[in-house]
Amino acid sequence: MLSANPALTYEQVRTKLITTTDTADLVSTGKVCGKIPDSVFPNNQFGYGRVNAPRAYVVDEARTLSSTAFLHVDLKLGCWITIATT
């Protein structure tokens, strides 16, 4: 994000990362820590959720995914690659 927009402040980066996390597929275990259940975000088990870097990057009004396709490939060695094409 900072490579694409070095003028971003700490608070802007933090806000973009927090507001674009994925939480829908995080399964609640029913745990409660600090009186906060793990079904409420942020919580002590999942935090704000899983970071979605491509979504955080395109949250900037000047960028959209409409002209870019992302291909996510899982490799058998436990690694993955993301290929972006325009």
Foldseek 3Di string as FASTA:
>chain_A
DCVVPVPDDPVLLVVLQLVPADDPPDDFPQDADPNRGVVDPPHDPQHSHHGDVVSSVQVPPVHDCPQKDWDWDQDPVRDIDIDIDD
